[in-house]
Amino acid sequence: MKSLTKEGGIAMKANVLKLVSVITLVIILALVSGCFIFEDVEQPTTATAGSQIQAHLTLSNDGPADTNPKYGIIGLMIPDDWQIDSVYYSGAYGTGFCTYLNPDSCDGNPGGAVDYRWAARIDTVYPADTLMHWIVYQSNQSYTSSADTNNIDYVDLYIDFIVGDLNGTYDIGYFNSNAGLDFTDSTYYAASLNHTIEVTGGTAVEENGIVDSYFLSQNYPNPFNPTTTISYTLENNTNVVLTVFDVLGRKINELVNGAQVAGNHSVNFSAENLSTGIYFYELRTQSFTDIRKMVYMK
């Protein structure tokens, strides 16, 4: 048998070390990956403006096991004027309602690569469509995964939407990960996009995405802490009054009072010095009045 030279022995050791490193990396990735995948998404294909609808998502996780508790992350791409009434889960990891994850609040597993701004990070991977945005919820309790190839974990998600006032066809998107992961590996997260729904019975929209009338949008984000943006569209040049009230009808702030040109407008509102709770904002012009609810959550 041919003997190895010194150089050949060193090269072989280097290759062995490289192989061991690769195998170790694969094992590490296997231990931290394995997020849920979307098995099925059920949602209506049509909806009436202002109505409430529900989507049912079936998720599965076939491993590997993870004994370190994690919080689930759920992203929803919805039209700007829609609201989320509730996100409820049941299955392998118990039952409960998911909570809204404010962009300014840390997720349930601090110290990870993504602790804040989950919605913005999701949007860089899956950009939201025109007149749509991502909103993020997380499970209200952590869980450990016992899943393996012989024991698949299933979770059902029930999402109640409040449909907005803008007519049109929208592609709703869904995303999931856990708060201990990030976006460096595609196995760390999963998405199910392009679930089309047509909204009728509301305000018409032109082909260029501009509302062909007066329109007051739902503030974003909502809930918020401590700032949010209120947007509205004016069909004609007109005098505008935009006012914020508390639940007792007391005026909190007058954000706009004066003449404005036709088109799209946005105003930032800060509730930094206010108490947590429900507030209302009213848009009033010479020929149009509308009011919407927003939630300040510290």
Protein backbone atom coordinates (compact mmCIF):
# COMPACT_ATOMS: atom_id res chain seq x y z
CA MET A 1 0.00 0.00 0.00
CA LYS A 2 1.32 3.42 -0.93
CA SER A 3 2.35 5.43 2.13
CA LEU A 4 1.14 9.00 2.67
CA THR A 5 3.54 11.86 2.34
CA LYS A 6 3.64 14.50 5.07
CA GLU A 7 1.86 16.92 2.75
CA GLY A 8 -0.75 14.30 1.87
CA GLY A 9 -1.38 13.51 5.53
CA ILE A 10 -1.87 17.17 6.35
CA ALA A 11 -4.29 17.57 3.41
CA MET A 12 -6.29 14.51 4.51
CA LYS A 13 -6.53 15.83 8.08
CA ALA A 14 -7.70 19.17 6.73
CA ASN A 15 -10.39 17.49 4.61
CA VAL A 16 -11.54 15.40 7.57
CA LEU A 17 -11.76 18.49 9.77
CA LYS A 18 -13.67 20.29 7.02
CA LEU A 19 -16.09 17.35 6.70
CA VAL A 20 -16.61 17.24 10.47
CA SER A 21 -17.28 20.99 10.47
CA VAL A 22 -19.84 20.62 7.69
CA ILE A 23 -21.58 17.74 9.46
CA THR A 24 -21.61 19.69 12.72
CA LEU A 25 -23.11 22.72 10.97
CA VAL A 26 -25.82 20.55 9.38
CA ILE A 27 -26.66 19.07 12.80
CA ILE A 28 -26.85 22.53 14.37
CA LEU A 29 -29.11 23.79 11.61
CA ALA A 30 -31.34 20.75 11.97
CA LEU A 31 -31.69 21.38 15.69
CA VAL A 32 -32.76 25.00 15.33
CA SER A 33 -34.80 24.77 12.15
CA GLY A 34 -38.04 22.96 11.51
CA CYS A 35 -40.64 25.71 11.70
CA PHE A 36 -44.26 25.05 10.85
CA ILE A 37 -45.31 24.63 7.25
CA PHE A 38 -48.69 25.54 5.82
CA GLU A 39 -50.75 22.42 5.16
CA ASP A 40 -53.97 24.22 4.23
CA VAL A 41 -55.47 27.71 4.09
CA GLU A 42 -59.23 28.20 4.02
CA GLN A 43 -60.69 31.67 3.56
CA PRO A 44 -63.66 33.15 1.67
CA THR A 45 -63.13 34.23 -1.92
CA THR A 46 -65.57 37.14 -1.59
CA ALA A 47 -66.54 39.50 1.23
CA THR A 48 -68.78 42.51 1.77
CA ALA A 49 -67.20 45.76 2.93
CA GLY A 50 -67.51 46.15 6.70
CA SER A 51 -68.27 42.47 7.35
CA GLN A 52 -66.35 40.00 9.52
CA ILE A 53 -64.79 36.92 7.94
CA GLN A 54 -62.64 34.07 9.22
CA ALA A 55 -59.62 32.24 7.81
CA HIS A 56 -58.62 28.76 9.00
CA LEU A 57 -54.96 27.80 8.70
CA THR A 58 -53.62 24.29 9.32
CA LEU A 59 -49.91 24.16 10.19
CA SER A 60 -47.68 21.14 10.73
CA ASN A 61 -44.24 20.53 12.20
CA ASP A 62 -42.53 17.20 11.59
CA GLY A 63 -39.38 17.92 13.55
CA PRO A 64 -36.85 17.97 14.84
CA ALA A 65 -37.67 18.16 18.54
CA ASP A 66 -36.86 21.41 20.32
CA THR A 67 -36.95 21.52 24.11
CA ASN A 68 -36.13 25.23 24.32
CA PRO A 69 -39.41 27.17 24.75
CA LYS A 70 -40.26 29.45 21.81
CA TYR A 71 -43.01 31.92 20.99
CA GLY A 72 -44.78 31.49 17.67
CA ILE A 73 -44.74 34.40 15.18
CA ILE A 74 -47.68 34.89 12.81
CA GLY A 75 -47.56 37.50 10.04
CA LEU A 76 -50.65 38.63 8.13
CA MET A 77 -50.57 40.70 4.93
CA ILE A 78 -53.89 42.55 4.82
CA PRO A 79 -55.38 45.63 3.10
CA ASP A 80 -54.59 48.92 4.82
CA ASP A 81 -58.18 49.49 5.94
CA TRP A 82 -58.77 45.98 7.36
CA GLN A 83 -58.54 45.13 11.06
CA ILE A 84 -57.76 41.92 12.95
CA ASP A 85 -60.40 41.03 15.52
CA SER A 86 -58.65 37.95 16.92
CA VAL A 87 -56.06 35.25 16.18
CA TYR A 88 -56.84 31.98 17.99
CA TYR A 89 -54.79 28.78 17.97
CA SER A 90 -55.38 25.19 19.10
CA GLY A 91 -53.61 21.89 18.67
CA ALA A 92 -50.35 20.28 19.75
CA TYR A 93 -49.24 23.22 21.90
CA GLY A 94 -52.45 24.03 23.71
CA THR A 95 -55.02 26.71 22.98
CA GLY A 96 -55.13 30.46 23.32
CA PHE A 97 -55.29 33.83 21.61
CA CYS A 98 -52.25 35.33 19.94
CA THR A 99 -51.37 38.88 20.93
CA TYR A 100 -50.52 41.81 18.68
CA LEU A 101 -46.76 42.41 18.50
CA ASN A 102 -46.21 46.14 18.37
CA PRO A 103 -43.20 47.09 16.20
CA ASP A 104 -41.75 48.95 19.20
CA SER A 105 -42.10 45.95 21.54
CA CYS A 106 -39.65 43.07 21.86
CA ASP A 107 -40.89 39.59 20.98
CA GLY A 108 -41.19 36.77 23.51
CA ASN A 109 -37.63 35.49 22.95
CA PRO A 110 -35.33 38.49 23.45
CA GLY A 111 -31.74 38.22 22.31
CA GLY A 112 -32.47 36.79 18.88
CA ALA A 113 -31.50 38.27 15.53
CA VAL A 114 -35.01 39.74 15.19
CA ASP A 115 -36.48 41.11 18.41
CA TYR A 116 -38.25 44.17 16.99
CA ARG A 117 -39.79 45.21 13.68
CA TRP A 118 -40.89 41.76 12.58
CA ALA A 119 -43.40 43.25 10.12
CA ALA A 120 -40.72 45.34 8.44
CA ARG A 121 -38.39 42.34 8.17
CA ILE A 122 -41.13 40.17 6.67
CA ASP A 123 -41.85 42.94 4.18
CA THR A 124 -38.26 42.84 2.91
CA VAL A 125 -38.63 39.14 2.07
CA TYR A 126 -42.25 39.27 0.90
CA PRO A 127 -43.04 42.89 -0.11
CA ALA A 128 -46.65 43.87 0.61
CA ASP A 129 -48.87 44.73 -2.34
CA THR A 130 -50.19 48.24 -3.01
CA LEU A 131 -52.71 49.36 -0.35
CA MET A 132 -51.61 46.45 1.89
CA HIS A 133 -49.24 45.90 4.81
CA TRP A 134 -47.94 43.20 7.16
CA ILE A 135 -49.13 42.97 10.75
CA VAL A 136 -47.63 40.55 13.29
CA TYR A 137 -49.02 38.51 16.19
CA GLN A 138 -47.28 36.08 18.53
CA SER A 139 -48.52 33.20 20.67
CA ASN A 140 -49.49 34.23 24.18
CA GLN A 141 -47.37 31.43 25.63
CA SER A 142 -44.17 29.66 24.67
CA TYR A 143 -44.06 26.05 23.52
CA THR A 144 -41.58 23.23 23.04
CA SER A 145 -41.68 21.03 19.95
CA SER A 146 -41.77 17.26 20.34
CA ALA A 147 -42.15 16.72 16.62
CA ASP A 148 -40.08 14.16 14.76
CA THR A 149 -40.51 12.17 11.57
CA ASN A 150 -42.78 9.72 13.41
CA ASN A 151 -44.82 12.29 15.32
CA ILE A 152 -46.13 15.31 13.40
CA ASP A 153 -47.38 18.25 15.45
CA TYR A 154 -50.43 20.11 14.10
CA VAL A 155 -51.78 23.53 14.99
CA ASP A 156 -54.99 25.19 13.77
CA LEU A 157 -55.16 28.97 13.50
CA TYR A 158 -58.47 30.85 13.28
CA ILE A 159 -58.14 34.47 12.21
CA ASP A 160 -61.12 36.82 12.37
CA PHE A 161 -60.82 39.78 10.00
CA ILE A 162 -62.93 42.93 9.87
CA VAL A 163 -63.12 43.81 6.19
CA GLY A 164 -62.45 47.42 5.24
CA ASP A 165 -64.43 49.79 3.02
CA LEU A 166 -62.32 49.69 -0.16
CA ASN A 167 -63.65 47.57 -2.99
CA GLY A 168 -61.13 45.52 -4.92
CA THR A 169 -59.35 42.21 -5.27
CA TYR A 170 -56.67 41.54 -2.66
CA ASP A 171 -54.14 38.74 -2.19
CA ILE A 172 -53.99 37.95 1.53
CA GLY A 173 -50.66 36.58 2.77
CA TYR A 174 -49.72 34.44 5.77
CA PHE A 175 -46.31 33.94 7.41
CA ASN A 176 -45.02 31.92 10.36
CA SER A 177 -41.78 31.48 12.26
CA ASN A 178 -40.77 31.50 15.91
CA ALA A 179 -39.28 34.33 17.91
CA GLY A 180 -35.96 32.54 18.32
CA LEU A 181 -35.21 32.44 14.60
CA ASP A 182 -34.41 34.94 11.85
CA PHE A 183 -34.27 35.15 8.03
CA THR A 184 -30.78 33.78 7.39
CA ASP A 185 -32.12 30.37 6.33
CA SER A 186 -35.29 29.65 4.37
CA THR A 187 -36.06 26.69 6.65
CA TYR A 188 -36.53 29.12 9.54
CA TYR A 189 -39.81 30.49 8.23
CA ALA A 190 -42.68 29.72 5.88
CA ALA A 191 -45.21 31.76 3.94
CA SER A 192 -48.43 31.13 2.06
CA LEU A 193 -49.31 34.01 -0.25
CA ASN A 194 -51.81 35.04 -2.93
CA HIS A 195 -55.04 33.95 -1.25
CA THR A 196 -57.36 36.10 -3.32
CA ILE A 197 -60.50 37.72 -1.97
CA GLU A 198 -62.80 40.21 -3.68
CA VAL A 199 -64.39 42.97 -1.61
CA THR A 200 -67.64 44.55 -2.82
CA GLY A 201 -70.25 46.92 -1.47
CA GLY A 202 -67.80 49.60 -0.36
CA THR A 203 -65.88 52.54 -1.81
CA ALA A 204 -64.70 52.34 -5.40
CA VAL A 205 -60.99 52.46 -6.30
CA GLU A 206 -59.52 53.62 -9.59
CA GLU A 207 -57.07 51.41 -11.51
CA ASN A 208 -54.08 53.43 -10.28
CA GLY A 209 -54.99 52.59 -6.67
CA ILE A 210 -56.42 56.04 -5.86
CA VAL A 211 -59.77 56.19 -4.13
CA ASP A 212 -62.32 57.80 -6.44
CA SER A 213 -64.08 59.63 -3.61
CA TYR A 214 -63.52 60.88 -0.09
CA PHE A 215 -62.05 58.18 2.11
CA LEU A 216 -60.69 57.84 5.65
CA SER A 217 -58.27 54.92 6.08
CA GLN A 218 -57.71 52.82 9.16
CA ASN A 219 -54.72 54.16 11.08
CA TYR A 220 -51.51 52.14 10.85
CA PRO A 221 -50.22 50.52 12.92
CA ASN A 222 -53.27 49.68 14.98
CA PRO A 223 -52.93 48.97 17.89
CA PHE A 224 -50.04 51.43 18.22
CA ASN A 225 -47.46 52.65 20.74
CA PRO A 226 -47.02 55.57 20.90
CA THR A 227 -47.34 56.89 17.32
CA THR A 228 -49.54 56.00 14.38
CA THR A 229 -50.33 57.37 10.92
CA ILE A 230 -53.80 58.47 9.80
CA SER A 231 -54.32 58.65 6.04
CA TYR A 232 -57.23 59.99 4.02
CA THR A 233 -58.17 60.91 0.47
CA LEU A 234 -59.96 64.04 -0.73
CA GLU A 235 -61.89 63.96 -3.96
CA ASN A 236 -61.84 67.76 -4.30
CA ASN A 237 -60.09 70.77 -2.82
CA THR A 238 -61.88 71.42 0.46
CA ASN A 239 -61.65 72.55 4.08
CA VAL A 240 -60.63 69.67 6.36
CA VAL A 241 -60.93 69.07 10.09
CA LEU A 242 -59.28 65.94 11.51
CA THR A 243 -59.91 65.45 15.22
CA VAL A 244 -59.08 62.81 17.85
CA PHE A 245 -61.57 62.03 20.66
CA ASP A 246 -61.57 59.74 23.68
CA VAL A 247 -64.33 57.20 24.42
CA LEU A 248 -66.34 59.89 26.24
CA GLY A 249 -66.35 62.13 23.18
CA ARG A 250 -63.90 64.65 24.61
CA LYS A 251 -61.60 66.30 22.08
CA ILE A 252 -58.00 65.14 22.55
CA ASN A 253 -56.27 66.77 19.60
CA GLU A 254 -57.12 68.63 16.40
CA LEU A 255 -54.61 67.33 13.88
CA VAL A 256 -55.80 69.30 10.84
CA ASN A 257 -57.97 72.40 10.44
CA GLY A 258 -57.77 74.20 7.13
CA ALA A 259 -57.95 74.06 3.34
CA GLN A 260 -56.30 71.13 1.54
CA VAL A 261 -56.00 70.07 -2.10
CA ALA A 262 -57.54 66.94 -3.59
CA GLY A 263 -55.51 63.73 -3.27
CA ASN A 264 -53.91 61.57 -0.61
CA HIS A 265 -52.87 62.97 2.78
CA SER A 266 -51.24 61.50 5.91
CA VAL A 267 -50.89 62.82 9.46
CA ASN A 268 -48.90 61.36 12.36
CA PHE A 269 -50.55 61.15 15.77
CA SER A 270 -48.71 60.61 19.07
CA ALA A 271 -50.47 59.32 22.20
CA GLU A 272 -47.32 59.45 24.31
CA ASN A 273 -48.97 61.46 27.08
CA LEU A 274 -52.28 59.60 26.99
CA SER A 275 -53.59 56.56 28.82
CA THR A 276 -53.83 53.14 27.21
CA GLY A 277 -57.24 52.62 25.65
CA ILE A 278 -59.59 53.20 22.73
CA TYR A 279 -59.70 56.49 20.85
CA PHE A 280 -61.60 57.75 17.82
CA TYR A 281 -60.57 60.01 14.96
CA GLU A 282 -63.01 61.95 12.78
CA LEU A 283 -62.50 63.41 9.31
CA ARG A 284 -64.93 66.20 8.44
CA THR A 285 -65.16 68.16 5.19
CA GLN A 286 -67.89 70.28 3.59
CA SER A 287 -69.51 67.20 2.07
CA PHE A 288 -68.07 64.19 3.91
CA THR A 289 -67.76 62.90 7.47
CA ASP A 290 -66.32 59.61 8.72
CA ILE A 291 -65.02 58.29 12.01
CA ARG A 292 -62.81 55.32 12.94
CA LYS A 293 -61.58 53.61 16.09
CA MET A 294 -57.94 53.11 17.09
CA VAL A 295 -56.30 51.39 20.04
CA TYR A 296 -53.36 52.78 22.01
CA MET A 297 -51.55 49.94 23.77
CA LYS A 298 -48.44 50.64 25.86
